[in-house]
Amino acid sequence: MPIRISVYIDGWSMHGSMKAAGIRAYGWCDFEKLTQTKTGYNDAAVRVKFFTASDCHKEKIFDKQDRWRTALRFKGWDVLAEGEFRRRGTGHREKMTDVALASHLVDDCARLTAGTKSVS
């Protein structure tokens, strides 16, 4: 049976980490290849779920995000924009992306274990 691996990415955390590290703000990371390399399963089927929120408060940023999401979908990744932006002080802040990621992770694990029997 081939190895299957799922990878869950919090897009805004990834973006913030890349920016803080001085990496181009909309740089690319091939999570499929990274996962295969780091696990040693070079032939593994990797499913990437990329979680984000649309920043519709700034048109320039929204357009960049739209191009980014198009590229991710072209790569075959699941792009889930389930987070939201909420007003915070003078600006907006992304919220709920991490909650959506965790919910999908738990749901996917439950689907995998449904129907399997525990061995004591």
PDB file of N, CA and C in Angstrom:
ATOM      1  N   MET A   1       0.834  -1.172   0.000  1.00  0.00           N
ATOM      2  CA  MET A   1       0.000   0.000   0.000  1.00  0.00           C
ATOM      3  C   MET A   1       0.886   1.245   0.000  1.00  0.00           C
ATOM      4  N   PRO A   2       0.615   2.199  -0.903  1.00  0.00           N
ATOM      5  CA  PRO A   2       1.456   3.394  -0.964  1.00  0.00           C
ATOM      6  C   PRO A   2       1.287   4.270   0.286  1.00  0.00           C
ATOM      7  N   ILE A   3       2.340   4.952   0.625  1.00  0.00           N
ATOM      8  CA  ILE A   3       2.314   5.867   1.769  1.00  0.00           C
ATOM      9  C   ILE A   3       1.536   7.116   1.375  1.00  0.00           C
ATOM     10  N   ARG A   4       0.590   7.522   2.240  1.00  0.00           N
ATOM     11  CA  ARG A   4      -0.168   8.755   2.037  1.00  0.00           C
ATOM     12  C   ARG A   4       0.058   9.660   3.240  1.00  0.00           C
ATOM     13  N   ILE A   5       0.367  10.915   2.961  1.00  0.00           N
ATOM     14  CA  ILE A   5       0.642  11.876   4.027  1.00  0.00           C
ATOM     15  C   ILE A   5      -0.191  13.125   3.761  1.00  0.00           C
ATOM     16  N   SER A   6      -0.809  13.646   4.809  1.00  0.00           N
ATOM     17  CA  SER A   6      -1.528  14.915   4.705  1.00  0.00           C
ATOM     18  C   SER A   6      -0.758  15.982   5.456  1.00  0.00           C
ATOM     19  N   VAL A   7      -0.692  17.160   4.855  1.00  0.00           N
ATOM     20  CA  VAL A   7       0.016  18.290   5.442  1.00  0.00           C
ATOM     21  C   VAL A   7      -0.974  19.435   5.591  1.00  0.00           C
ATOM     22  N   TYR A   8      -0.996  20.057   6.754  1.00  0.00           N
ATOM     23  CA  TYR A   8      -1.923  21.144   7.048  1.00  0.00           C
ATOM     24  C   TYR A   8      -1.114  22.430   7.265  1.00  0.00           C
ATOM     25  N   ILE A   9      -1.395  23.452   6.471  1.00  0.00           N
ATOM     26  CA  ILE A   9      -0.616  24.694   6.511  1.00  0.00           C
ATOM     27  C   ILE A   9      -1.507  25.853   6.942  1.00  0.00           C
ATOM     28  N   ASP A  10      -1.086  26.579   7.969  1.00  0.00           N
ATOM     29  CA  ASP A  10      -1.733  27.833   8.351  1.00  0.00           C
ATOM     30  C   ASP A  10      -1.049  28.920   7.529  1.00  0.00           C
ATOM     31  N   GLY A  11      -1.727  29.361   6.480  1.00  0.00           N
ATOM     32  CA  GLY A  11      -1.134  30.284   5.522  1.00  0.00           C
ATOM     33  C   GLY A  11      -0.669  31.601   6.112  1.00  0.00           C
ATOM     34  N   TRP A  12      -1.448  32.158   7.042  1.00  0.00           N
ATOM     35  CA  TRP A  12      -1.041  33.434   7.617  1.00  0.00           C
ATOM     36  C   TRP A  12       0.148  33.268   8.551  1.00  0.00           C
ATOM     37  N   SER A  13       0.229  32.176   9.279  1.00  0.00           N
ATOM     38  CA  SER A  13       1.408  31.925  10.115  1.00  0.00           C
ATOM     39  C   SER A  13       2.636  31.709   9.244  1.00  0.00           C
ATOM     40  N   MET A  14       2.459  30.974   8.122  1.00  0.00           N
ATOM     41  CA  MET A  14       3.568  30.761   7.202  1.00  0.00           C
ATOM     42  C   MET A  14       4.051  32.102   6.633  1.00  0.00           C
ATOM     43  N   HIS A  15       3.101  32.922   6.206  1.00  0.00           N
ATOM     44  CA  HIS A  15       3.444  34.229   5.640  1.00  0.00           C
ATOM     45  C   HIS A  15       4.200  35.082   6.658  1.00  0.00           C
ATOM     46  N   GLY A  16       3.686  35.133   7.897  1.00  0.00           N
ATOM     47  CA  GLY A  16       4.347  35.918   8.938  1.00  0.00           C
ATOM     48  C   GLY A  16       5.742  35.412   9.258  1.00  0.00           C
ATOM     49  N   SER A  17       5.910  34.102   9.285  1.00  0.00           N
ATOM     50  CA  SER A  17       7.225  33.513   9.565  1.00  0.00           C
ATOM     51  C   SER A  17       8.219  33.806   8.453  1.00  0.00           C
ATOM     52  N   MET A  18       7.754  33.711   7.199  1.00  0.00           N
ATOM     53  CA  MET A  18       8.638  34.006   6.068  1.00  0.00           C
ATOM     54  C   MET A  18       9.039  35.472   6.076  1.00  0.00           C
ATOM     55  N   LYS A  19       8.090  36.331   6.358  1.00  0.00           N
ATOM     56  CA  LYS A  19       8.365  37.774   6.388  1.00  0.00           C
ATOM     57  C   LYS A  19       9.358  38.096   7.511  1.00  0.00           C
ATOM     58  N   ALA A  20       9.144  37.511   8.699  1.00  0.00           N
ATOM     59  CA  ALA A  20      10.035  37.746   9.833  1.00  0.00           C
ATOM     60  C   ALA A  20      11.450  37.235   9.561  1.00  0.00           C
ATOM     61  N   ALA A  21      11.559  36.185   8.756  1.00  0.00           N
ATOM     62  CA  ALA A  21      12.872  35.620   8.427  1.00  0.00           C
ATOM     63  C   ALA A  21      13.547  36.357   7.278  1.00  0.00           C
ATOM     64  N   GLY A  22      12.869  37.366   6.733  1.00  0.00           N
ATOM     65  CA  GLY A  22      13.452  38.126   5.631  1.00  0.00           C
ATOM     66  C   GLY A  22      13.304  37.446   4.281  1.00  0.00           C
ATOM     67  N   ILE A  23      12.420  36.463   4.211  1.00  0.00           N
ATOM     68  CA  ILE A  23      12.153  35.769   2.945  1.00  0.00           C
ATOM     69  C   ILE A  23      11.077  36.554   2.214  1.00  0.00           C
ATOM     70  N   ARG A  24      11.184  36.636   0.907  1.00  0.00           N
ATOM     71  CA  ARG A  24      10.206  37.380   0.113  1.00  0.00           C
ATOM     72  C   ARG A  24       8.781  37.075   0.580  1.00  0.00           C
ATOM     73  N   ALA A  25       7.999  38.117   0.777  1.00  0.00           N
ATOM     74  CA  ALA A  25       6.673  38.006   1.393  1.00  0.00           C
ATOM     75  C   ALA A  25       5.765  36.976   0.734  1.00  0.00           C
ATOM     76  N   TYR A  26       5.824  36.828  -0.559  1.00  0.00           N
ATOM     77  CA  TYR A  26       4.973  35.839  -1.224  1.00  0.00           C
ATOM     78  C   TYR A  26       5.839  34.776  -1.878  1.00  0.00           C
ATOM     79  N   GLY A  27       6.852  34.340  -1.170  1.00  0.00           N
ATOM     80  CA  GLY A  27       7.739  33.293  -1.658  1.00  0.00           C
ATOM     81  C   GLY A  27       7.021  31.962  -1.747  1.00  0.00           C
ATOM     82  N   TRP A  28       7.651  31.009  -2.348  1.00  0.00           N
ATOM     83  CA  TRP A  28       7.031  29.718  -2.614  1.00  0.00           C
ATOM     84  C   TRP A  28       7.667  28.639  -1.771  1.00  0.00           C
ATOM     85  N   CYS A  29       6.868  27.706  -1.328  1.00  0.00           N
ATOM     86  CA  CYS A  29       7.365  26.522  -0.652  1.00  0.00           C
ATOM     87  C   CYS A  29       6.610  25.336  -1.218  1.00  0.00           C
ATOM     88  N   ASP A  30       7.319  24.355  -1.740  1.00  0.00           N
ATOM     89  CA  ASP A  30       6.686  23.150  -2.270  1.00  0.00           C
ATOM     90  C   ASP A  30       6.556  22.164  -1.114  1.00  0.00           C
ATOM     91  N   PHE A  31       5.411  22.189  -0.460  1.00  0.00           N
ATOM     92  CA  PHE A  31       5.207  21.370   0.727  1.00  0.00           C
ATOM     93  C   PHE A  31       5.181  19.880   0.416  1.00  0.00           C
ATOM     94  N   GLU A  32       4.781  19.529  -0.793  1.00  0.00           N
ATOM     95  CA  GLU A  32       4.821  18.111  -1.179  1.00  0.00           C
ATOM     96  C   GLU A  32       6.261  17.610  -1.165  1.00  0.00           C
ATOM     97  N   LYS A  33       7.129  18.327  -1.850  1.00  0.00           N
ATOM     98  CA  LYS A  33       8.540  17.936  -1.942  1.00  0.00           C
ATOM     99  C   LYS A  33       9.217  18.010  -0.566  1.00  0.00           C
ATOM    100  N   LEU A  34       8.915  19.063   0.180  1.00  0.00           N
ATOM    101  CA  LEU A  34       9.483  19.210   1.520  1.00  0.00           C
ATOM    102  C   LEU A  34       9.088  18.024   2.404  1.00  0.00           C
ATOM    103  N   THR A  35       7.822  17.636   2.354  1.00  0.00           N
ATOM    104  CA  THR A  35       7.329  16.517   3.150  1.00  0.00           C
ATOM    105  C   THR A  35       8.002  15.209   2.736  1.00  0.00           C
ATOM    106  N   GLN A  36       8.086  14.970   1.448  1.00  0.00           N
ATOM    107  CA  GLN A  36       8.731  13.748   0.959  1.00  0.00           C
ATOM    108  C   GLN A  36      10.195  13.694   1.382  1.00  0.00           C
ATOM    109  N   THR A  37      10.878  14.826   1.269  1.00  0.00           N
ATOM    110  CA  THR A  37      12.298  14.877   1.617  1.00  0.00           C
ATOM    111  C   THR A  37      12.513  14.669   3.120  1.00  0.00           C
ATOM    112  N   LYS A  38      11.740  15.360   3.933  1.00  0.00           N
ATOM    113  CA  LYS A  38      11.924  15.293   5.386  1.00  0.00           C
ATOM    114  C   LYS A  38      11.493  13.949   5.980  1.00  0.00           C
ATOM    115  N   THR A  39      10.517  13.280   5.369  1.00  0.00           N
ATOM    116  CA  THR A  39      10.071  11.988   5.900  1.00  0.00           C
ATOM    117  C   THR A  39      10.856  10.824   5.314  1.00  0.00           C
ATOM    118  N   GLY A  40      11.526  11.057   4.192  1.00  0.00           N
ATOM    119  CA  GLY A  40      12.242   9.983   3.516  1.00  0.00           C
ATOM    120  C   GLY A  40      11.354   9.135   2.620  1.00  0.00           C
ATOM    121  N   TYR A  41      10.080   9.490   2.525  1.00  0.00           N
ATOM    122  CA  TYR A  41       9.142   8.785   1.648  1.00  0.00           C
ATOM    123  C   TYR A  41       9.012   9.567   0.346  1.00  0.00           C
ATOM    124  N   ASN A  42       9.991   9.405  -0.526  1.00  0.00           N
ATOM    125  CA  ASN A  42      10.043  10.201  -1.751  1.00  0.00           C
ATOM    126  C   ASN A  42       8.921   9.906  -2.733  1.00  0.00           C
ATOM    127  N   ASP A  43       8.290   8.738  -2.608  1.00  0.00           N
ATOM    128  CA  ASP A  43       7.188   8.379  -3.499  1.00  0.00           C
ATOM    129  C   ASP A  43       5.824   8.545  -2.825  1.00  0.00           C
ATOM    130  N   ALA A  44       5.793   9.131  -1.646  1.00  0.00           N
ATOM    131  CA  ALA A  44       4.533   9.276  -0.911  1.00  0.00           C
ATOM    132  C   ALA A  44       3.574  10.187  -1.660  1.00  0.00           C
ATOM    133  N   ALA A  45       2.300   9.857  -1.564  1.00  0.00           N
ATOM    134  CA  ALA A  45       1.251  10.736  -2.080  1.00  0.00           C
ATOM    135  C   ALA A  45       0.967  11.757  -0.986  1.00  0.00           C
ATOM    136  N   VAL A  46       1.236  13.024  -1.274  1.00  0.00           N
ATOM    137  CA  VAL A  46       1.095  14.076  -0.273  1.00  0.00           C
ATOM    138  C   VAL A  46      -0.112  14.938  -0.612  1.00  0.00           C
ATOM    139  N   ARG A  47      -1.004  15.069   0.348  1.00  0.00           N
ATOM    140  CA  ARG A  47      -2.152  15.954   0.207  1.00  0.00           C
ATOM    141  C   ARG A  47      -1.880  17.190   1.046  1.00  0.00           C
ATOM    142  N   VAL A  48      -1.964  18.355   0.425  1.00  0.00           N
ATOM    143  CA  VAL A  48      -1.713  19.609   1.130  1.00  0.00           C
ATOM    144  C   VAL A  48      -3.034  20.344   1.309  1.00  0.00           C
ATOM    145  N   LYS A  49      -3.322  20.704   2.556  1.00  0.00           N
ATOM    146  CA  LYS A  49      -4.477  21.547   2.860  1.00  0.00           C
ATOM    147  C   LYS A  49      -3.928  22.874   3.368  1.00  0.00           C
ATOM    148  N   PHE A  50      -4.201  23.925   2.608  1.00  0.00           N
ATOM    149  CA  PHE A  50      -3.683  25.263   2.905  1.00  0.00           C
ATOM    150  C   PHE A  50      -4.833  26.115   3.427  1.00  0.00           C
ATOM    151  N   PHE A  51      -4.720  26.570   4.677  1.00  0.00           N
ATOM    152  CA  PHE A  51      -5.774  27.342   5.324  1.00  0.00           C
ATOM    153  C   PHE A  51      -5.399  28.812   5.343  1.00  0.00           C
ATOM    154  N   THR A  52      -6.369  29.661   5.046  1.00  0.00           N
ATOM    155  CA  THR A  52      -6.105  31.086   4.977  1.00  0.00           C
ATOM    156  C   THR A  52      -7.381  31.860   5.250  1.00  0.00           C
ATOM    157  N   ALA A  53      -7.290  33.162   5.163  1.00  0.00           N
ATOM    158  CA  ALA A  53      -8.443  34.060   5.264  1.00  0.00           C
ATOM    159  C   ALA A  53      -8.236  35.150   4.221  1.00  0.00           C
ATOM    160  N   SER A  54      -9.302  35.591   3.613  1.00  0.00           N
ATOM    161  CA  SER A  54      -9.205  36.637   2.601  1.00  0.00           C
ATOM    162  C   SER A  54      -9.227  38.004   3.263  1.00  0.00           C
ATOM    163  N   ASP A  55      -8.207  38.815   2.959  1.00  0.00           N
ATOM    164  CA  ASP A  55      -8.143  40.177   3.472  1.00  0.00           C
ATOM    165  C   ASP A  55      -8.828  41.091   2.469  1.00  0.00           C
ATOM    166  N   CYS A  56     -10.141  41.174   2.568  1.00  0.00           N
ATOM    167  CA  CYS A  56     -10.907  41.961   1.602  1.00  0.00           C
ATOM    168  C   CYS A  56     -10.917  43.443   1.948  1.00  0.00           C
ATOM    169  N   HIS A  57     -10.211  43.853   2.997  1.00  0.00           N
ATOM    170  CA  HIS A  57     -10.173  45.248   3.398  1.00  0.00           C
ATOM    171  C   HIS A  57      -9.149  46.056   2.595  1.00  0.00           C
ATOM    172  N   LYS A  58      -8.221  45.360   1.944  1.00  0.00           N
ATOM    173  CA  LYS A  58      -7.190  46.040   1.158  1.00  0.00           C
ATOM    174  C   LYS A  58      -7.151  45.389  -0.220  1.00  0.00           C
ATOM    175  N   GLU A  59      -7.596  46.122  -1.230  1.00  0.00           N
ATOM    176  CA  GLU A  59      -7.742  45.550  -2.574  1.00  0.00           C
ATOM    177  C   GLU A  59      -6.423  45.009  -3.133  1.00  0.00           C
ATOM    178  N   LYS A  60      -5.323  45.727  -2.935  1.00  0.00           N
ATOM    179  CA  LYS A  60      -4.029  45.273  -3.454  1.00  0.00           C
ATOM    180  C   LYS A  60      -3.635  43.928  -2.847  1.00  0.00           C
ATOM    181  N   ILE A  61      -3.827  43.791  -1.542  1.00  0.00           N
ATOM    182  CA  ILE A  61      -3.500  42.535  -0.874  1.00  0.00           C
ATOM    183  C   ILE A  61      -4.447  41.435  -1.334  1.00  0.00           C
ATOM    184  N   PHE A  62      -5.732  41.749  -1.462  1.00  0.00           N
ATOM    185  CA  PHE A  62      -6.713  40.753  -1.898  1.00  0.00           C
ATOM    186  C   PHE A  62      -6.349  40.215  -3.275  1.00  0.00           C
ATOM    187  N   ASP A  63      -5.934  41.091  -4.198  1.00  0.00           N
ATOM    188  CA  ASP A  63      -5.547  40.647  -5.548  1.00  0.00           C
ATOM    189  C   ASP A  63      -4.337  39.718  -5.497  1.00  0.00           C
ATOM    190  N   LYS A  64      -3.351  40.031  -4.670  1.00  0.00           N
ATOM    191  CA  LYS A  64      -2.177  39.156  -4.526  1.00  0.00           C
ATOM    192  C   LYS A  64      -2.582  37.807  -3.953  1.00  0.00           C
ATOM    193  N   GLN A  65      -3.467  37.853  -2.952  1.00  0.00           N
ATOM    194  CA  GLN A  65      -3.940  36.603  -2.348  1.00  0.00           C
ATOM    195  C   GLN A  65      -4.672  35.748  -3.379  1.00  0.00           C
ATOM    196  N   ASP A  66      -5.465  36.390  -4.218  1.00  0.00           N
ATOM    197  CA  ASP A  66      -6.223  35.661  -5.224  1.00  0.00           C
ATOM    198  C   ASP A  66      -5.282  34.954  -6.200  1.00  0.00           C
ATOM    199  N   ARG A  67      -4.231  35.645  -6.633  1.00  0.00           N
ATOM    200  CA  ARG A  67      -3.240  35.007  -7.524  1.00  0.00           C
ATOM    201  C   ARG A  67      -2.524  33.862  -6.806  1.00  0.00           C
ATOM    202  N   TRP A  68      -2.201  34.061  -5.541  1.00  0.00           N
ATOM    203  CA  TRP A  68      -1.528  33.043  -4.732  1.00  0.00           C
ATOM    204  C   TRP A  68      -2.401  31.803  -4.615  1.00  0.00           C
ATOM    205  N   ARG A  69      -3.691  31.997  -4.287  1.00  0.00           N
ATOM    206  CA  ARG A  69      -4.608  30.858  -4.151  1.00  0.00           C
ATOM    207  C   ARG A  69      -4.787  30.129  -5.476  1.00  0.00           C
ATOM    208  N   THR A  70      -4.813  30.869  -6.574  1.00  0.00           N
ATOM    209  CA  THR A  70      -4.916  30.243  -7.902  1.00  0.00           C
ATOM    210  C   THR A  70      -3.715  29.348  -8.160  1.00  0.00           C
ATOM    211  N   ALA A  71      -2.525  29.822  -7.798  1.00  0.00           N
ATOM    212  CA  ALA A  71      -1.307  29.026  -7.985  1.00  0.00           C
ATOM    213  C   ALA A  71      -1.337  27.766  -7.123  1.00  0.00           C
ATOM    214  N   LEU A  72      -1.807  27.891  -5.896  1.00  0.00           N
ATOM    215  CA  LEU A  72      -1.878  26.735  -4.997  1.00  0.00           C
ATOM    216  C   LEU A  72      -2.861  25.693  -5.527  1.00  0.00           C
ATOM    217  N   ARG A  73      -3.994  26.158  -6.019  1.00  0.00           N
ATOM    218  CA  ARG A  73      -4.984  25.226  -6.586  1.00  0.00           C
ATOM    219  C   ARG A  73      -4.439  24.554  -7.841  1.00  0.00           C
ATOM    220  N   PHE A  74      -3.690  25.307  -8.654  1.00  0.00           N
ATOM    221  CA  PHE A  74      -3.073  24.745  -9.853  1.00  0.00           C
ATOM    222  C   PHE A  74      -2.135  23.609  -9.472  1.00  0.00           C
ATOM    223  N   LYS A  75      -1.480  23.744  -8.345  1.00  0.00           N
ATOM    224  CA  LYS A  75      -0.575  22.717  -7.835  1.00  0.00           C
ATOM    225  C   LYS A  75      -1.338  21.498  -7.328  1.00  0.00           C
ATOM    226  N   GLY A  76      -2.663  21.647  -7.151  1.00  0.00           N
ATOM    227  CA  GLY A  76      -3.480  20.530  -6.691  1.00  0.00           C
ATOM    228  C   GLY A  76      -3.767  20.544  -5.203  1.00  0.00           C
ATOM    229  N   TRP A  77      -3.437  21.630  -4.535  1.00  0.00           N
ATOM    230  CA  TRP A  77      -3.653  21.721  -3.106  1.00  0.00           C
ATOM    231  C   TRP A  77      -5.086  22.120  -2.806  1.00  0.00           C
ATOM    232  N   ASP A  78      -5.573  21.720  -1.645  1.00  0.00           N
ATOM    233  CA  ASP A  78      -6.869  22.178  -1.152  1.00  0.00           C
ATOM    234  C   ASP A  78      -6.637  23.532  -0.490  1.00  0.00           C
ATOM    235  N   VAL A  79      -7.292  24.558  -0.983  1.00  0.00           N
ATOM    236  CA  VAL A  79      -7.166  25.896  -0.407  1.00  0.00           C
ATOM    237  C   VAL A  79      -8.475  26.217   0.297  1.00  0.00           C
ATOM    238  N   LEU A  80      -8.397  26.375   1.597  1.00  0.00           N
ATOM    239  CA  LEU A  80      -9.590  26.593   2.407  1.00  0.00           C
ATOM    240  C   LEU A  80      -9.505  27.949   3.095  1.00  0.00           C
ATOM    241  N   ALA A  81     -10.289  28.894   2.614  1.00  0.00           N
ATOM    242  CA  ALA A  81     -10.307  30.241   3.187  1.00  0.00           C
ATOM    243  C   ALA A  81     -11.440  30.302   4.205  1.00  0.00           C
ATOM    244  N   GLU A  82     -11.217  29.699   5.357  1.00  0.00           N
ATOM    245  CA  GLU A  82     -12.259  29.613   6.373  1.00  0.00           C
ATOM    246  C   GLU A  82     -12.044  30.581   7.533  1.00  0.00           C
ATOM    247  N   GLY A  83     -10.925  31.288   7.497  1.00  0.00           N
ATOM    248  CA  GLY A  83     -10.685  32.293   8.526  1.00  0.00           C
ATOM    249  C   GLY A  83     -11.367  33.595   8.126  1.00  0.00           C
ATOM    250  N   GLU A  84     -11.195  34.605   8.951  1.00  0.00           N
ATOM    251  CA  GLU A  84     -11.803  35.899   8.657  1.00  0.00           C
ATOM    252  C   GLU A  84     -10.928  37.001   9.234  1.00  0.00           C
ATOM    253  N   PHE A  85     -11.171  38.218   8.778  1.00  0.00           N
ATOM    254  CA  PHE A  85     -10.474  39.369   9.332  1.00  0.00           C
ATOM    255  C   PHE A  85     -11.443  40.141  10.203  1.00  0.00           C
ATOM    256  N   ARG A  86     -10.983  40.515  11.382  1.00  0.00           N
ATOM    257  CA  ARG A  86     -11.811  41.284  12.313  1.00  0.00           C
ATOM    258  C   ARG A  86     -11.106  42.593  12.635  1.00  0.00           C
ATOM    259  N   ARG A  87     -11.905  43.619  12.832  1.00  0.00           N
ATOM    260  CA  ARG A  87     -11.354  44.927  13.180  1.00  0.00           C
ATOM    261  C   ARG A  87     -10.671  44.824  14.536  1.00  0.00           C
ATOM    262  N   ARG A  88      -9.494  45.371  14.585  1.00  0.00           N
ATOM    263  CA  ARG A  88      -8.739  45.378  15.841  1.00  0.00           C
ATOM    264  C   ARG A  88      -8.007  46.703  15.925  1.00  0.00           C
ATOM    265  N   GLY A  89      -8.454  47.596  16.779  1.00  0.00           N
ATOM    266  CA  GLY A  89      -7.843  48.913  16.872  1.00  0.00           C
ATOM    267  C   GLY A  89      -8.037  49.680  15.579  1.00  0.00           C
ATOM    268  N   THR A  90      -6.922  50.086  14.972  1.00  0.00           N
ATOM    269  CA  THR A  90      -6.998  50.859  13.728  1.00  0.00           C
ATOM    270  C   THR A  90      -6.929  49.979  12.491  1.00  0.00           C
ATOM    271  N   GLY A  91      -6.748  48.703  12.671  1.00  0.00           N
ATOM    272  CA  GLY A  91      -6.626  47.813  11.516  1.00  0.00           C
ATOM    273  C   GLY A  91      -7.476  46.568  11.666  1.00  0.00           C
ATOM    274  N   HIS A  92      -7.113  45.553  10.888  1.00  0.00           N
ATOM    275  CA  HIS A  92      -7.814  44.273  10.927  1.00  0.00           C
ATOM    276  C   HIS A  92      -6.813  43.167  11.219  1.00  0.00           C
ATOM    277  N   ARG A  93      -7.281  42.114  11.832  1.00  0.00           N
ATOM    278  CA  ARG A  93      -6.411  40.993  12.181  1.00  0.00           C
ATOM    279  C   ARG A  93      -7.092  39.685  11.792  1.00  0.00           C
ATOM    280  N   GLU A  94      -6.295  38.774  11.273  1.00  0.00           N
ATOM    281  CA  GLU A  94      -6.810  37.467  10.850  1.00  0.00           C
ATOM    282  C   GLU A  94      -7.150  36.641  12.080  1.00  0.00           C
ATOM    283  N   LYS A  95      -8.316  35.972  12.018  1.00  0.00           N
ATOM    284  CA  LYS A  95      -8.766  35.135  13.118  1.00  0.00           C
ATOM    285  C   LYS A  95      -9.393  33.857  12.563  1.00  0.00           C
ATOM    286  N   MET A  96      -9.322  32.806  13.320  1.00  0.00           N
ATOM    287  CA  MET A  96     -10.032  31.546  13.087  1.00  0.00           C
ATOM    288  C   MET A  96      -9.385  30.600  12.070  1.00  0.00           C
ATOM    289  N   THR A  97      -8.317  30.996  11.408  1.00  0.00           N
ATOM    290  CA  THR A  97      -7.665  30.090  10.464  1.00  0.00           C
ATOM    291  C   THR A  97      -7.127  28.865  11.189  1.00  0.00           C
ATOM    292  N   ASP A  98      -6.492  29.093  12.332  1.00  0.00           N
ATOM    293  CA  ASP A  98      -5.937  27.974  13.091  1.00  0.00           C
ATOM    294  C   ASP A  98      -7.032  27.047  13.621  1.00  0.00           C
ATOM    295  N   VAL A  99      -8.185  27.610  13.951  1.00  0.00           N
ATOM    296  CA  VAL A  99      -9.307  26.802  14.428  1.00  0.00           C
ATOM    297  C   VAL A  99      -9.841  25.931  13.283  1.00  0.00           C
ATOM    298  N   ALA A 100      -9.951  26.505  12.093  1.00  0.00           N
ATOM    299  CA  ALA A 100     -10.407  25.735  10.927  1.00  0.00           C
ATOM    300  C   ALA A 100      -9.426  24.603  10.632  1.00  0.00           C
ATOM    301  N   LEU A 101      -8.127  24.888  10.698  1.00  0.00           N
ATOM    302  CA  LEU A 101      -7.107  23.872  10.452  1.00  0.00           C
ATOM    303  C   LEU A 101      -7.257  22.723  11.455  1.00  0.00           C
ATOM    304  N   ALA A 102      -7.367  23.065  12.730  1.00  0.00           N
ATOM    305  CA  ALA A 102      -7.486  22.036  13.763  1.00  0.00           C
ATOM    306  C   ALA A 102      -8.763  21.213  13.574  1.00  0.00           C
ATOM    307  N   SER A 103      -9.841  21.853  13.199  1.00  0.00           N
ATOM    308  CA  SER A 103     -11.107  21.143  12.981  1.00  0.00           C
ATOM    309  C   SER A 103     -10.989  20.142  11.840  1.00  0.00           C
ATOM    310  N   HIS A 104     -10.350  20.554  10.750  1.00  0.00           N
ATOM    311  CA  HIS A 104     -10.153  19.644   9.615  1.00  0.00           C
ATOM    312  C   HIS A 104      -9.227  18.494   9.993  1.00  0.00           C
ATOM    313  N   LEU A 105      -8.196  18.793  10.755  1.00  0.00           N
ATOM    314  CA  LEU A 105      -7.255  17.759  11.186  1.00  0.00           C
ATOM    315  C   LEU A 105      -7.972  16.688  12.013  1.00  0.00           C
ATOM    316  N   VAL A 106      -8.766  17.113  12.976  1.00  0.00           N
ATOM    317  CA  VAL A 106      -9.505  16.165  13.815  1.00  0.00           C
ATOM    318  C   VAL A 106     -10.493  15.376  12.965  1.00  0.00           C
ATOM    319  N   ASP A 107     -11.212  16.061  12.078  1.00  0.00           N
ATOM    320  CA  ASP A 107     -12.196  15.388  11.228  1.00  0.00           C
ATOM    321  C   ASP A 107     -11.524  14.363  10.312  1.00  0.00           C
ATOM    322  N   ASP A 108     -10.405  14.744   9.714  1.00  0.00           N
ATOM    323  CA  ASP A 108      -9.690  13.812   8.828  1.00  0.00           C
ATOM    324  C   ASP A 108      -9.176  12.597   9.602  1.00  0.00           C
ATOM    325  N   CYS A 109      -8.672  12.816  10.812  1.00  0.00           N
ATOM    326  CA  CYS A 109      -8.199  11.693  11.634  1.00  0.00           C
ATOM    327  C   CYS A 109      -9.361  10.771  12.005  1.00  0.00           C
ATOM    328  N   ALA A 110     -10.505  11.361  12.315  1.00  0.00           N
ATOM    329  CA  ALA A 110     -11.677  10.553  12.658  1.00  0.00           C
ATOM    330  C   ALA A 110     -12.108   9.702  11.468  1.00  0.00           C
ATOM    331  N   ARG A 111     -12.025  10.263  10.270  1.00  0.00           N
ATOM    332  CA  ARG A 111     -12.381   9.504   9.064  1.00  0.00           C
ATOM    333  C   ARG A 111     -11.424   8.336   8.849  1.00  0.00           C
ATOM    334  N   LEU A 112     -10.147   8.556   9.134  1.00  0.00           N
ATOM    335  CA  LEU A 112      -9.156   7.498   8.966  1.00  0.00           C
ATOM    336  C   LEU A 112      -9.369   6.363   9.948  1.00  0.00           C
ATOM    337  N   THR A 113      -9.752   6.710  11.163  1.00  0.00           N
ATOM    338  CA  THR A 113      -9.878   5.679  12.182  1.00  0.00           C
ATOM    339  C   THR A 113     -11.267   5.044  12.219  1.00  0.00           C
ATOM    340  N   ALA A 114     -12.223   5.629  11.536  1.00  0.00           N
ATOM    341  CA  ALA A 114     -13.574   5.052  11.502  1.00  0.00           C
ATOM    342  C   ALA A 114     -13.512   3.676  10.833  1.00  0.00           C
ATOM    343  N   GLY A 115     -14.061   2.735  11.492  1.00  0.00           N
ATOM    344  CA  GLY A 115     -14.078   1.396  10.921  1.00  0.00           C
ATOM    345  C   GLY A 115     -12.861   0.558  11.245  1.00  0.00           C
ATOM    346  N   THR A 116     -11.840   1.141  11.857  1.00  0.00           N
ATOM    347  CA  THR A 116     -10.675   0.337  12.247  1.00  0.00           C
ATOM    348  C   THR A 116     -10.900  -0.196  13.646  1.00  0.00           C
ATOM    349  N   LYS A 117     -10.339  -1.331  13.915  1.00  0.00           N
ATOM    350  CA  LYS A 117     -10.504  -1.947  15.233  1.00  0.00           C
ATOM    351  C   LYS A 117      -9.230  -1.794  16.033  1.00  0.00           C
ATOM    352  N   SER A 118      -9.410  -1.487  17.278  1.00  0.00           N
ATOM    353  CA  SER A 118      -8.275  -1.344  18.179  1.00  0.00           C
ATOM    354  C   SER A 118      -7.824  -2.710  18.659  1.00  0.00           C
ATOM    355  N   VAL A 119      -6.526  -2.887  18.724  1.00  0.00           N
ATOM    356  CA  VAL A 119      -5.965  -4.150  19.221  1.00  0.00           C
ATOM    357  C   VAL A 119      -5.380  -3.873  20.596  1.00  0.00           C
ATOM    358  N   SER A 120      -5.839  -4.605  21.593  1.00  0.00           N
ATOM    359  CA  SER A 120      -5.359  -4.391  22.965  1.00  0.00           C
ATOM    360  C   SER A 120      -4.208  -5.310  23.256  1.00  0.00           C
TER     361      SER A 120
END
